[in-house]
Amino acid sequence: MIELAAKAKFPGGIDLVEMRDPVAAFQKTRDVIAQSSEAVVFEAAVLSGLFQARIDILRRQGDTLELIEVKSSALNGDGEQDDSKSPFLNGNGEVVGKWREYLLDEKLTGSFSQSVT
């Protein structure tokens, strides 16, 4: 539901959610952002070596690409986020050990982001 609300903020965007082939989705992403200096792609595809990523919203404005990730979370009755039931965080709000390598893989994510720039 939150993604539909986010997409509504960018009318006229091209939605690639149905494109399951990563190579075809990547090519379509490239085509859309190359055709106009003002473009929006939902579920844009990025490829780098063996890695692929889907971007919730990719917006081109002139020479700038903006990557927008849409996330949501539940709030408790006080309007505060309730992380007490998160499988990823301990009681102190720190990433649980068994998830640390996966969620905080800065070497991998840093390498990936540098290779697609």
PDB file of N, CA and C in Angstrom:
ATOM      1  N   MET A   1       0.808  -1.187   0.000  1.00  0.00           N
ATOM      2  CA  MET A   1       0.000   0.000   0.000  1.00  0.00           C
ATOM      3  C   MET A   1       0.861   1.265   0.000  1.00  0.00           C
ATOM      4  N   ILE A   2       1.946   1.252   0.774  1.00  0.00           N
ATOM      5  CA  ILE A   2       2.791   2.433   0.860  1.00  0.00           C
ATOM      6  C   ILE A   2       3.465   2.726  -0.482  1.00  0.00           C
ATOM      7  N   GLU A   3       3.787   1.672  -1.242  1.00  0.00           N
ATOM      8  CA  GLU A   3       4.401   1.895  -2.552  1.00  0.00           C
ATOM      9  C   GLU A   3       3.432   2.568  -3.513  1.00  0.00           C
ATOM     10  N   LEU A   4       2.165   2.228  -3.426  1.00  0.00           N
ATOM     11  CA  LEU A   4       1.168   2.884  -4.290  1.00  0.00           C
ATOM     12  C   LEU A   4       1.074   4.372  -3.958  1.00  0.00           C
ATOM     13  N   ALA A   5       1.127   4.710  -2.689  1.00  0.00           N
ATOM     14  CA  ALA A   5       1.088   6.116  -2.296  1.00  0.00           C
ATOM     15  C   ALA A   5       2.340   6.842  -2.797  1.00  0.00           C
ATOM     16  N   ALA A   6       3.488   6.186  -2.709  1.00  0.00           N
ATOM     17  CA  ALA A   6       4.728   6.800  -3.193  1.00  0.00           C
ATOM     18  C   ALA A   6       4.692   6.995  -4.703  1.00  0.00           C
ATOM     19  N   LYS A   7       4.198   5.999  -5.425  1.00  0.00           N
ATOM     20  CA  LYS A   7       4.109   6.115  -6.886  1.00  0.00           C
ATOM     21  C   LYS A   7       3.164   7.234  -7.306  1.00  0.00           C
ATOM     22  N   ALA A   8       2.140   7.487  -6.512  1.00  0.00           N
ATOM     23  CA  ALA A   8       1.187   8.542  -6.839  1.00  0.00           C
ATOM     24  C   ALA A   8       1.847   9.923  -6.811  1.00  0.00           C
ATOM     25  N   LYS A   9       2.961  10.029  -6.111  1.00  0.00           N
ATOM     26  CA  LYS A   9       3.686  11.317  -6.054  1.00  0.00           C
ATOM     27  C   LYS A   9       4.448  11.596  -7.346  1.00  0.00           C
ATOM     28  N   PHE A  10       4.567  10.583  -8.210  1.00  0.00           N
ATOM     29  CA  PHE A  10       5.317  10.727  -9.458  1.00  0.00           C
ATOM     30  C   PHE A  10       4.456  10.281 -10.639  1.00  0.00           C
ATOM     31  N   PRO A  11       3.412  11.038 -10.964  1.00  0.00           N
ATOM     32  CA  PRO A  11       2.545  10.634 -12.083  1.00  0.00           C
ATOM     33  C   PRO A  11       3.338  10.596 -13.390  1.00  0.00           C
ATOM     34  N   GLY A  12       3.003   9.637 -14.210  1.00  0.00           N
ATOM     35  CA  GLY A  12       3.684   9.509 -15.493  1.00  0.00           C
ATOM     36  C   GLY A  12       4.921   8.624 -15.438  1.00  0.00           C
ATOM     37  N   GLY A  13       5.239   8.110 -14.248  1.00  0.00           N
ATOM     38  CA  GLY A  13       6.393   7.215 -14.132  1.00  0.00           C
ATOM     39  C   GLY A  13       6.146   5.903 -14.849  1.00  0.00           C
ATOM     40  N   ILE A  14       7.214   5.274 -15.308  1.00  0.00           N
ATOM     41  CA  ILE A  14       7.132   3.982 -16.003  1.00  0.00           C
ATOM     42  C   ILE A  14       7.348   2.878 -14.982  1.00  0.00           C
ATOM     43  N   ASP A  15       6.403   1.943 -14.883  1.00  0.00           N
ATOM     44  CA  ASP A  15       6.463   0.876 -13.890  1.00  0.00           C
ATOM     45  C   ASP A  15       6.994  -0.404 -14.512  1.00  0.00           C
ATOM     46  N   LEU A  16       8.116  -0.901 -13.981  1.00  0.00           N
ATOM     47  CA  LEU A  16       8.733  -2.129 -14.493  1.00  0.00           C
ATOM     48  C   LEU A  16       8.521  -3.319 -13.563  1.00  0.00           C
ATOM     49  N   VAL A  17       7.563  -3.214 -12.652  1.00  0.00           N
ATOM     50  CA  VAL A  17       7.358  -4.265 -11.660  1.00  0.00           C
ATOM     51  C   VAL A  17       7.062  -5.625 -12.299  1.00  0.00           C
ATOM     52  N   GLU A  18       6.432  -5.638 -13.452  1.00  0.00           N
ATOM     53  CA  GLU A  18       6.079  -6.902 -14.108  1.00  0.00           C
ATOM     54  C   GLU A  18       7.243  -7.509 -14.893  1.00  0.00           C
ATOM     55  N   MET A  19       8.306  -6.766 -15.103  1.00  0.00           N
ATOM     56  CA  MET A  19       9.453  -7.277 -15.875  1.00  0.00           C
ATOM     57  C   MET A  19      10.335  -8.121 -14.970  1.00  0.00           C
ATOM     58  N   ARG A  20      10.289  -9.420 -15.144  1.00  0.00           N
ATOM     59  CA  ARG A  20      11.034 -10.343 -14.292  1.00  0.00           C
ATOM     60  C   ARG A  20      12.435 -10.637 -14.826  1.00  0.00           C
ATOM     61  N   ASP A  21      12.650 -10.470 -16.114  1.00  0.00           N
ATOM     62  CA  ASP A  21      13.972 -10.713 -16.699  1.00  0.00           C
ATOM     63  C   ASP A  21      14.872  -9.537 -16.337  1.00  0.00           C
ATOM     64  N   PRO A  22      15.931  -9.765 -15.533  1.00  0.00           N
ATOM     65  CA  PRO A  22      16.773  -8.651 -15.085  1.00  0.00           C
ATOM     66  C   PRO A  22      17.471  -7.908 -16.220  1.00  0.00           C
ATOM     67  N   VAL A  23      17.867  -8.607 -17.261  1.00  0.00           N
ATOM     68  CA  VAL A  23      18.556  -7.957 -18.377  1.00  0.00           C
ATOM     69  C   VAL A  23      17.583  -7.063 -19.144  1.00  0.00           C
ATOM     70  N   ALA A  24      16.390  -7.571 -19.404  1.00  0.00           N
ATOM     71  CA  ALA A  24      15.380  -6.771 -20.113  1.00  0.00           C
ATOM     72  C   ALA A  24      14.959  -5.566 -19.272  1.00  0.00           C
ATOM     73  N   ALA A  25      14.800  -5.760 -17.960  1.00  0.00           N
ATOM     74  CA  ALA A  25      14.417  -4.654 -17.086  1.00  0.00           C
ATOM     75  C   ALA A  25      15.522  -3.604 -17.018  1.00  0.00           C
ATOM     76  N   PHE A  26      16.781  -4.047 -17.008  1.00  0.00           N
ATOM     77  CA  PHE A  26      17.911  -3.115 -17.002  1.00  0.00           C
ATOM     78  C   PHE A  26      17.942  -2.305 -18.291  1.00  0.00           C
ATOM     79  N   GLN A  27      17.740  -2.972 -19.420  1.00  0.00           N
ATOM     80  CA  GLN A  27      17.747  -2.270 -20.705  1.00  0.00           C
ATOM     81  C   GLN A  27      16.603  -1.259 -20.781  1.00  0.00           C
ATOM     82  N   LYS A  28      15.428  -1.654 -20.296  1.00  0.00           N
ATOM     83  CA  LYS A  28      14.278  -0.739 -20.307  1.00  0.00           C
ATOM     84  C   LYS A  28      14.561   0.458 -19.398  1.00  0.00           C
ATOM     85  N   THR A  29      15.164   0.217 -18.238  1.00  0.00           N
ATOM     86  CA  THR A  29      15.540   1.304 -17.328  1.00  0.00           C
ATOM     87  C   THR A  29      16.467   2.283 -18.039  1.00  0.00           C
ATOM     88  N   ARG A  30      17.495   1.759 -18.686  1.00  0.00           N
ATOM     89  CA  ARG A  30      18.444   2.613 -19.416  1.00  0.00           C
ATOM     90  C   ARG A  30      17.746   3.399 -20.518  1.00  0.00           C
ATOM     91  N   ASP A  31      16.867   2.728 -21.243  1.00  0.00           N
ATOM     92  CA  ASP A  31      16.154   3.393 -22.340  1.00  0.00           C
ATOM     93  C   ASP A  31      15.303   4.558 -21.826  1.00  0.00           C
ATOM     94  N   VAL A  32      14.567   4.319 -20.746  1.00  0.00           N
ATOM     95  CA  VAL A  32      13.664   5.342 -20.213  1.00  0.00           C
ATOM     96  C   VAL A  32      14.451   6.552 -19.725  1.00  0.00           C
ATOM     97  N   ILE A  33      15.519   6.333 -18.975  1.00  0.00           N
ATOM     98  CA  ILE A  33      16.258   7.494 -18.451  1.00  0.00           C
ATOM     99  C   ILE A  33      17.094   8.179 -19.524  1.00  0.00           C
ATOM    100  N   ALA A  34      17.379   7.472 -20.620  1.00  0.00           N
ATOM    101  CA  ALA A  34      18.139   8.091 -21.713  1.00  0.00           C
ATOM    102  C   ALA A  34      17.249   8.953 -22.605  1.00  0.00           C
ATOM    103  N   GLN A  35      15.956   8.654 -22.643  1.00  0.00           N
ATOM    104  CA  GLN A  35      15.041   9.341 -23.550  1.00  0.00           C
ATOM    105  C   GLN A  35      14.643  10.734 -23.095  1.00  0.00           C
ATOM    106  N   SER A  36      14.802  11.021 -21.810  1.00  0.00           N
ATOM    107  CA  SER A  36      14.354  12.312 -21.299  1.00  0.00           C
ATOM    108  C   SER A  36      15.223  12.762 -20.134  1.00  0.00           C
ATOM    109  N   SER A  37      15.417  14.050 -20.017  1.00  0.00           N
ATOM    110  CA  SER A  37      16.181  14.575 -18.885  1.00  0.00           C
ATOM    111  C   SER A  37      15.322  14.637 -17.624  1.00  0.00           C
ATOM    112  N   GLU A  38      14.025  14.363 -17.762  1.00  0.00           N
ATOM    113  CA  GLU A  38      13.098  14.302 -16.629  1.00  0.00           C
ATOM    114  C   GLU A  38      12.329  12.989 -16.759  1.00  0.00           C
ATOM    115  N   ALA A  39      12.725  11.976 -16.005  1.00  0.00           N
ATOM    116  CA  ALA A  39      12.078  10.665 -16.116  1.00  0.00           C
ATOM    117  C   ALA A  39      11.986  10.001 -14.743  1.00  0.00           C
ATOM    118  N   VAL A  40      10.971   9.162 -14.596  1.00  0.00           N
ATOM    119  CA  VAL A  40      10.779   8.391 -13.365  1.00  0.00           C
ATOM    120  C   VAL A  40      10.527   6.943 -13.750  1.00  0.00           C
ATOM    121  N   VAL A  41      11.247   6.026 -13.080  1.00  0.00           N
ATOM    122  CA  VAL A  41      11.068   4.591 -13.322  1.00  0.00           C
ATOM    123  C   VAL A  41      10.801   3.920 -11.973  1.00  0.00           C
ATOM    124  N   PHE A  42       9.705   3.168 -11.898  1.00  0.00           N
ATOM    125  CA  PHE A  42       9.393   2.386 -10.703  1.00  0.00           C
ATOM    126  C   PHE A  42       9.958   0.980 -10.890  1.00  0.00           C
ATOM    127  N   GLU A  43      10.584   0.450  -9.854  1.00  0.00           N
ATOM    128  CA  GLU A  43      11.243  -0.864  -9.902  1.00  0.00           C
ATOM    129  C   GLU A  43      12.311  -0.898 -10.991  1.00  0.00           C
ATOM    130  N   ALA A  44      13.085   0.187 -11.071  1.00  0.00           N
ATOM    131  CA  ALA A  44      14.191   0.269 -12.023  1.00  0.00           C
ATOM    132  C   ALA A  44      15.205  -0.832 -11.725  1.00  0.00           C
ATOM    133  N   ALA A  45      15.865  -1.323 -12.760  1.00  0.00           N
ATOM    134  CA  ALA A  45      16.823  -2.419 -12.599  1.00  0.00           C
ATOM    135  C   ALA A  45      18.240  -1.918 -12.832  1.00  0.00           C
ATOM    136  N   VAL A  46      19.153  -2.432 -12.029  1.00  0.00           N
ATOM    137  CA  VAL A  46      20.576  -2.125 -12.148  1.00  0.00           C
ATOM    138  C   VAL A  46      21.325  -3.446 -12.153  1.00  0.00           C
ATOM    139  N   LEU A  47      22.289  -3.581 -13.041  1.00  0.00           N
ATOM    140  CA  LEU A  47      23.133  -4.777 -13.110  1.00  0.00           C
ATOM    141  C   LEU A  47      24.592  -4.362 -12.980  1.00  0.00           C
ATOM    142  N   SER A  48      25.358  -5.179 -12.261  1.00  0.00           N
ATOM    143  CA  SER A  48      26.794  -4.964 -12.145  1.00  0.00           C
ATOM    144  C   SER A  48      27.439  -6.325 -11.893  1.00  0.00           C
ATOM    145  N   GLY A  49      28.087  -6.861 -12.902  1.00  0.00           N
ATOM    146  CA  GLY A  49      28.678  -8.190 -12.755  1.00  0.00           C
ATOM    147  C   GLY A  49      27.610  -9.214 -12.441  1.00  0.00           C
ATOM    148  N   LEU A  50      27.781  -9.933 -11.341  1.00  0.00           N
ATOM    149  CA  LEU A  50      26.810 -10.946 -10.924  1.00  0.00           C
ATOM    150  C   LEU A  50      25.693 -10.384 -10.062  1.00  0.00           C
ATOM    151  N   PHE A  51      25.734  -9.084  -9.774  1.00  0.00           N
ATOM    152  CA  PHE A  51      24.764  -8.472  -8.879  1.00  0.00           C
ATOM    153  C   PHE A  51      23.664  -7.767  -9.662  1.00  0.00           C
ATOM    154  N   GLN A  52      22.474  -7.811  -9.091  1.00  0.00           N
ATOM    155  CA  GLN A  52      21.366  -7.050  -9.638  1.00  0.00           C
ATOM    156  C   GLN A  52      20.639  -6.386  -8.477  1.00  0.00           C
ATOM    157  N   ALA A  53      20.053  -5.263  -8.742  1.00  0.00           N
ATOM    158  CA  ALA A  53      19.277  -4.557  -7.730  1.00  0.00           C
ATOM    159  C   ALA A  53      18.059  -3.941  -8.391  1.00  0.00           C
ATOM    160  N   ARG A  54      16.994  -3.838  -7.618  1.00  0.00           N
ATOM    161  CA  ARG A  54      15.796  -3.138  -8.087  1.00  0.00           C
ATOM    162  C   ARG A  54      15.629  -1.914  -7.190  1.00  0.00           C
ATOM    163  N   ILE A  55      15.370  -0.790  -7.808  1.00  0.00           N
ATOM    164  CA  ILE A  55      15.225   0.480  -7.111  1.00  0.00           C
ATOM    165  C   ILE A  55      13.748   0.824  -7.103  1.00  0.00           C
ATOM    166  N   ASP A  56      13.197   1.088  -5.932  1.00  0.00           N
ATOM    167  CA  ASP A  56      11.763   1.376  -5.848  1.00  0.00           C
ATOM    168  C   ASP A  56      11.382   2.499  -6.796  1.00  0.00           C
ATOM    169  N   ILE A  57      12.074   3.631  -6.699  1.00  0.00           N
ATOM    170  CA  ILE A  57      11.801   4.763  -7.592  1.00  0.00           C
ATOM    171  C   ILE A  57      13.141   5.364  -8.021  1.00  0.00           C
ATOM    172  N   LEU A  58      13.354   5.438  -9.317  1.00  0.00           N
ATOM    173  CA  LEU A  58      14.541   6.081  -9.881  1.00  0.00           C
ATOM    174  C   LEU A  58      14.064   7.309 -10.635  1.00  0.00           C
ATOM    175  N   ARG A  59      14.563   8.469 -10.219  1.00  0.00           N
ATOM    176  CA  ARG A  59      14.142   9.716 -10.872  1.00  0.00           C
ATOM    177  C   ARG A  59      15.351  10.410 -11.468  1.00  0.00           C
ATOM    178  N   ARG A  60      15.239  10.736 -12.746  1.00  0.00           N
ATOM    179  CA  ARG A  60      16.273  11.522 -13.406  1.00  0.00           C
ATOM    180  C   ARG A  60      15.792  12.960 -13.498  1.00  0.00           C
ATOM    181  N   GLN A  61      16.645  13.859 -13.035  1.00  0.00           N
ATOM    182  CA  GLN A  61      16.399  15.289 -13.171  1.00  0.00           C
ATOM    183  C   GLN A  61      17.681  15.888 -13.732  1.00  0.00           C
ATOM    184  N   GLY A  62      17.690  16.126 -15.036  1.00  0.00           N
ATOM    185  CA  GLY A  62      18.892  16.637 -15.686  1.00  0.00           C
ATOM    186  C   GLY A  62      20.019  15.622 -15.605  1.00  0.00           C
ATOM    187  N   ASP A  63      21.136  16.027 -15.022  1.00  0.00           N
ATOM    188  CA  ASP A  63      22.292  15.133 -14.891  1.00  0.00           C
ATOM    189  C   ASP A  63      22.315  14.380 -13.570  1.00  0.00           C
ATOM    190  N   THR A  64      21.232  14.439 -12.811  1.00  0.00           N
ATOM    191  CA  THR A  64      21.181  13.815 -11.490  1.00  0.00           C
ATOM    192  C   THR A  64      20.209  12.643 -11.487  1.00  0.00           C
ATOM    193  N   LEU A  65      20.655  11.522 -10.937  1.00  0.00           N
ATOM    194  CA  LEU A  65      19.779  10.372 -10.704  1.00  0.00           C
ATOM    195  C   LEU A  65      19.509  10.296  -9.210  1.00  0.00           C
ATOM    196  N   GLU A  66      18.237  10.221  -8.853  1.00  0.00           N
ATOM    197  CA  GLU A  66      17.843  10.108  -7.454  1.00  0.00           C
ATOM    198  C   GLU A  66      17.246   8.730  -7.236  1.00  0.00           C
ATOM    199  N   LEU A  67      17.809   7.984  -6.304  1.00  0.00           N
ATOM    200  CA  LEU A  67      17.310   6.666  -5.947  1.00  0.00           C
ATOM    201  C   LEU A  67      16.461   6.809  -4.702  1.00  0.00           C
ATOM    202  N   ILE A  68      15.198   6.400  -4.798  1.00  0.00           N
ATOM    203  CA  ILE A  68      14.263   6.531  -3.682  1.00  0.00           C
ATOM    204  C   ILE A  68      13.822   5.125  -3.281  1.00  0.00           C
ATOM    205  N   GLU A  69      14.123   4.753  -2.062  1.00  0.00           N
ATOM    206  CA  GLU A  69      13.676   3.476  -1.523  1.00  0.00           C
ATOM    207  C   GLU A  69      12.475   3.723  -0.631  1.00  0.00           C
ATOM    208  N   VAL A  70      11.403   3.014  -0.856  1.00  0.00           N
ATOM    209  CA  VAL A  70      10.174   3.190  -0.101  1.00  0.00           C
ATOM    210  C   VAL A  70      10.124   2.137   0.994  1.00  0.00           C
ATOM    211  N   LYS A  71      10.020   2.599   2.225  1.00  0.00           N
ATOM    212  CA  LYS A  71       9.960   1.697   3.378  1.00  0.00           C
ATOM    213  C   LYS A  71       8.814   2.131   4.273  1.00  0.00           C
ATOM    214  N   SER A  72       8.340   1.205   5.073  1.00  0.00           N
ATOM    215  CA  SER A  72       7.307   1.534   6.044  1.00  0.00           C
ATOM    216  C   SER A  72       7.590   0.749   7.323  1.00  0.00           C
ATOM    217  N   SER A  73       7.010   1.209   8.404  1.00  0.00           N
ATOM    218  CA  SER A  73       7.122   0.491   9.670  1.00  0.00           C
ATOM    219  C   SER A  73       5.889   0.802  10.500  1.00  0.00           C
ATOM    220  N   ALA A  74       5.650  -0.039  11.469  1.00  0.00           N
ATOM    221  CA  ALA A  74       4.504   0.149  12.341  1.00  0.00           C
ATOM    222  C   ALA A  74       4.894   1.051  13.508  1.00  0.00           C
ATOM    223  N   LEU A  75       3.938   1.836  13.974  1.00  0.00           N
ATOM    224  CA  LEU A  75       4.144   2.693  15.135  1.00  0.00           C
ATOM    225  C   LEU A  75       3.290   2.185  16.277  1.00  0.00           C
ATOM    226  N   ASN A  76       3.779   2.392  17.505  1.00  0.00           N
ATOM    227  CA  ASN A  76       2.949   2.019  18.647  1.00  0.00           C
ATOM    228  C   ASN A  76       1.917   3.114  18.895  1.00  0.00           C
ATOM    229  N   GLY A  77       1.110   3.006  19.910  1.00  0.00           N
ATOM    230  CA  GLY A  77       0.045   3.963  20.173  1.00  0.00           C
ATOM    231  C   GLY A  77       0.532   5.378  20.454  1.00  0.00           C
ATOM    232  N   ASP A  78       1.804   5.530  20.834  1.00  0.00           N
ATOM    233  CA  ASP A  78       2.356   6.859  21.128  1.00  0.00           C
ATOM    234  C   ASP A  78       2.949   7.519  19.893  1.00  0.00           C
ATOM    235  N   GLY A  79       2.820   6.884  18.737  1.00  0.00           N
ATOM    236  CA  GLY A  79       3.397   7.432  17.523  1.00  0.00           C
ATOM    237  C   GLY A  79       4.875   7.128  17.383  1.00  0.00           C
ATOM    238  N   GLU A  80       5.389   6.254  18.227  1.00  0.00           N
ATOM    239  CA  GLU A  80       6.799   5.862  18.180  1.00  0.00           C
ATOM    240  C   GLU A  80       6.919   4.510  17.504  1.00  0.00           C
ATOM    241  N   GLN A  81       8.044   4.306  16.819  1.00  0.00           N
ATOM    242  CA  GLN A  81       8.279   3.025  16.168  1.00  0.00           C
ATOM    243  C   GLN A  81       8.538   1.960  17.220  1.00  0.00           C
ATOM    244  N   ASP A  82       7.941   0.799  17.077  1.00  0.00           N
ATOM    245  CA  ASP A  82       8.110  -0.294  18.023  1.00  0.00           C
ATOM    246  C   ASP A  82       9.031  -1.340  17.414  1.00  0.00           C
ATOM    247  N   ASP A  83      10.310  -1.321  17.804  1.00  0.00           N
ATOM    248  CA  ASP A  83      11.289  -2.278  17.298  1.00  0.00           C
ATOM    249  C   ASP A  83      11.400  -3.508  18.189  1.00  0.00           C
ATOM    250  N   SER A  84      10.574  -3.607  19.231  1.00  0.00           N
ATOM    251  CA  SER A  84      10.715  -4.698  20.189  1.00  0.00           C
ATOM    252  C   SER A  84      10.461  -6.064  19.565  1.00  0.00           C
ATOM    253  N   LYS A  85       9.756  -6.131  18.462  1.00  0.00           N
ATOM    254  CA  LYS A  85       9.451  -7.409  17.820  1.00  0.00           C
ATOM    255  C   LYS A  85      10.285  -7.642  16.575  1.00  0.00           C
ATOM    256  N   SER A  86      11.273  -6.803  16.347  1.00  0.00           N
ATOM    257  CA  SER A  86      12.098  -6.951  15.153  1.00  0.00           C
ATOM    258  C   SER A  86      13.014  -8.161  15.281  1.00  0.00           C
ATOM    259  N   PRO A  87      13.035  -9.028  14.275  1.00  0.00           N
ATOM    260  CA  PRO A  87      13.957 -10.172  14.323  1.00  0.00           C
ATOM    261  C   PRO A  87      15.402  -9.744  14.074  1.00  0.00           C
ATOM    262  N   PHE A  88      15.608  -8.497  13.671  1.00  0.00           N
ATOM    263  CA  PHE A  88      16.943  -8.021  13.322  1.00  0.00           C
ATOM    264  C   PHE A  88      17.612  -7.224  14.434  1.00  0.00           C
ATOM    265  N   LEU A  89      16.831  -6.739  15.416  1.00  0.00           N
ATOM    266  CA  LEU A  89      17.384  -5.882  16.464  1.00  0.00           C
ATOM    267  C   LEU A  89      17.228  -6.524  17.835  1.00  0.00           C
ATOM    268  N   ASN A  90      18.234  -6.288  18.699  1.00  0.00           N
ATOM    269  CA  ASN A  90      18.123  -6.749  20.080  1.00  0.00           C
ATOM    270  C   ASN A  90      17.410  -5.684  20.906  1.00  0.00           C
ATOM    271  N   GLY A  91      17.305  -5.886  22.205  1.00  0.00           N
ATOM    272  CA  GLY A  91      16.605  -4.948  23.082  1.00  0.00           C
ATOM    273  C   GLY A  91      17.232  -3.568  23.130  1.00  0.00           C
ATOM    274  N   ASN A  92      18.511  -3.456  22.772  1.00  0.00           N
ATOM    275  CA  ASN A  92      19.193  -2.163  22.765  1.00  0.00           C
ATOM    276  C   ASN A  92      19.103  -1.465  21.411  1.00  0.00           C
ATOM    277  N   GLY A  93      18.381  -2.054  20.450  1.00  0.00           N
ATOM    278  CA  GLY A  93      18.254  -1.453  19.131  1.00  0.00           C
ATOM    279  C   GLY A  93      19.446  -1.719  18.228  1.00  0.00           C
ATOM    280  N   GLU A  94      20.308  -2.662  18.620  1.00  0.00           N
ATOM    281  CA  GLU A  94      21.483  -3.016  17.816  1.00  0.00           C
ATOM    282  C   GLU A  94      21.166  -4.232  16.952  1.00  0.00           C
ATOM    283  N   VAL A  95      21.845  -4.347  15.822  1.00  0.00           N
ATOM    284  CA  VAL A  95      21.626  -5.479  14.921  1.00  0.00           C
ATOM    285  C   VAL A  95      22.081  -6.766  15.610  1.00  0.00           C
ATOM    286  N   VAL A  96      21.218  -7.778  15.588  1.00  0.00           N
ATOM    287  CA  VAL A  96      21.512  -9.080  16.185  1.00  0.00           C
ATOM    288  C   VAL A  96      22.679  -9.715  15.441  1.00  0.00           C
ATOM    289  N   GLY A  97      23.574 -10.350  16.193  1.00  0.00           N
ATOM    290  CA  GLY A  97      24.807 -10.903  15.644  1.00  0.00           C
ATOM    291  C   GLY A  97      24.651 -11.730  14.387  1.00  0.00           C
ATOM    292  N   LYS A  98      23.672 -12.646  14.348  1.00  0.00           N
ATOM    293  CA  LYS A  98      23.550 -13.524  13.181  1.00  0.00           C
ATOM    294  C   LYS A  98      23.129 -12.769  11.918  1.00  0.00           C
ATOM    295  N   TRP A  99      22.576 -11.558  12.058  1.00  0.00           N
ATOM    296  CA  TRP A  99      22.165 -10.755  10.910  1.00  0.00           C
ATOM    297  C   TRP A  99      23.189  -9.684  10.549  1.00  0.00           C
ATOM    298  N   ARG A 100      24.160  -9.430  11.436  1.00  0.00           N
ATOM    299  CA  ARG A 100      25.099  -8.322  11.253  1.00  0.00           C
ATOM    300  C   ARG A 100      25.826  -8.394   9.911  1.00  0.00           C
ATOM    301  N   GLU A 101      26.396  -9.534   9.580  1.00  0.00           N
ATOM    302  CA  GLU A 101      27.173  -9.655   8.333  1.00  0.00           C
ATOM    303  C   GLU A 101      26.297  -9.388   7.111  1.00  0.00           C
ATOM    304  N   TYR A 102      25.063  -9.885   7.140  1.00  0.00           N
ATOM    305  CA  TYR A 102      24.160  -9.719   6.000  1.00  0.00           C
ATOM    306  C   TYR A 102      23.663  -8.279   5.869  1.00  0.00           C
ATOM    307  N   LEU A 103      23.191  -7.709   6.973  1.00  0.00           N
ATOM    308  CA  LEU A 103      22.584  -6.383   6.920  1.00  0.00           C
ATOM    309  C   LEU A 103      23.593  -5.247   6.857  1.00  0.00           C
ATOM    310  N   LEU A 104      24.769  -5.454   7.397  1.00  0.00           N
ATOM    311  CA  LEU A 104      25.768  -4.396   7.455  1.00  0.00           C
ATOM    312  C   LEU A 104      26.957  -4.698   6.559  1.00  0.00           C
ATOM    313  N   ASP A 105      26.718  -5.339   5.440  1.00  0.00           N
ATOM    314  CA  ASP A 105      27.797  -5.707   4.526  1.00  0.00           C
ATOM    315  C   ASP A 105      28.232  -4.483   3.726  1.00  0.00           C
ATOM    316  N   GLU A 106      28.951  -3.591   4.390  1.00  0.00           N
ATOM    317  CA  GLU A 106      29.356  -2.340   3.760  1.00  0.00           C
ATOM    318  C   GLU A 106      30.351  -2.571   2.634  1.00  0.00           C
ATOM    319  N   LYS A 107      31.175  -3.598   2.752  1.00  0.00           N
ATOM    320  CA  LYS A 107      32.135  -3.875   1.686  1.00  0.00           C
ATOM    321  C   LYS A 107      31.397  -4.204   0.392  1.00  0.00           C
ATOM    322  N   LEU A 108      30.381  -5.080   0.479  1.00  0.00           N
ATOM    323  CA  LEU A 108      29.611  -5.470  -0.699  1.00  0.00           C
ATOM    324  C   LEU A 108      28.785  -4.305  -1.229  1.00  0.00           C
ATOM    325  N   THR A 109      28.026  -3.647  -0.361  1.00  0.00           N
ATOM    326  CA  THR A 109      27.154  -2.577  -0.833  1.00  0.00           C
ATOM    327  C   THR A 109      27.972  -1.389  -1.328  1.00  0.00           C
ATOM    328  N   GLY A 110      29.076  -1.099  -0.685  1.00  0.00           N
ATOM    329  CA  GLY A 110      29.944  -0.015  -1.159  1.00  0.00           C
ATOM    330  C   GLY A 110      30.530  -0.324  -2.510  1.00  0.00           C
ATOM    331  N   SER A 111      30.970  -1.571  -2.704  1.00  0.00           N
ATOM    332  CA  SER A 111      31.533  -1.996  -3.971  1.00  0.00           C
ATOM    333  C   SER A 111      30.476  -1.930  -5.070  1.00  0.00           C
ATOM    334  N   PHE A 112      29.259  -2.359  -4.766  1.00  0.00           N
ATOM    335  CA  PHE A 112      28.194  -2.363  -5.747  1.00  0.00           C
ATOM    336  C   PHE A 112      27.852  -0.928  -6.157  1.00  0.00           C
ATOM    337  N   SER A 113      27.722  -0.043  -5.180  1.00  0.00           N
ATOM    338  CA  SER A 113      27.327   1.325  -5.505  1.00  0.00           C
ATOM    339  C   SER A 113      28.403   2.034  -6.310  1.00  0.00           C
ATOM    340  N   GLN A 114      29.669   1.737  -6.051  1.00  0.00           N
ATOM    341  CA  GLN A 114      30.732   2.360  -6.815  1.00  0.00           C
ATOM    342  C   GLN A 114      30.766   1.839  -8.250  1.00  0.00           C
ATOM    343  N   SER A 115      30.423   0.583  -8.445  1.00  0.00           N
ATOM    344  CA  SER A 115      30.536   0.003  -9.777  1.00  0.00           C
ATOM    345  C   SER A 115      29.422   0.463 -10.717  1.00  0.00           C
ATOM    346  N   VAL A 116      28.310   0.963 -10.172  1.00  0.00           N
ATOM    347  CA  VAL A 116      27.224   1.400 -11.038  1.00  0.00           C
ATOM    348  C   VAL A 116      27.211   2.906 -11.238  1.00  0.00           C
ATOM    349  N   THR A 117      28.150   3.611 -10.639  1.00  0.00           N
ATOM    350  CA  THR A 117      28.177   5.065 -10.816  1.00  0.00           C
ATOM    351  C   THR A 117      28.976   5.448 -12.033  1.00  0.00           C
TER     352      THR A 117
END
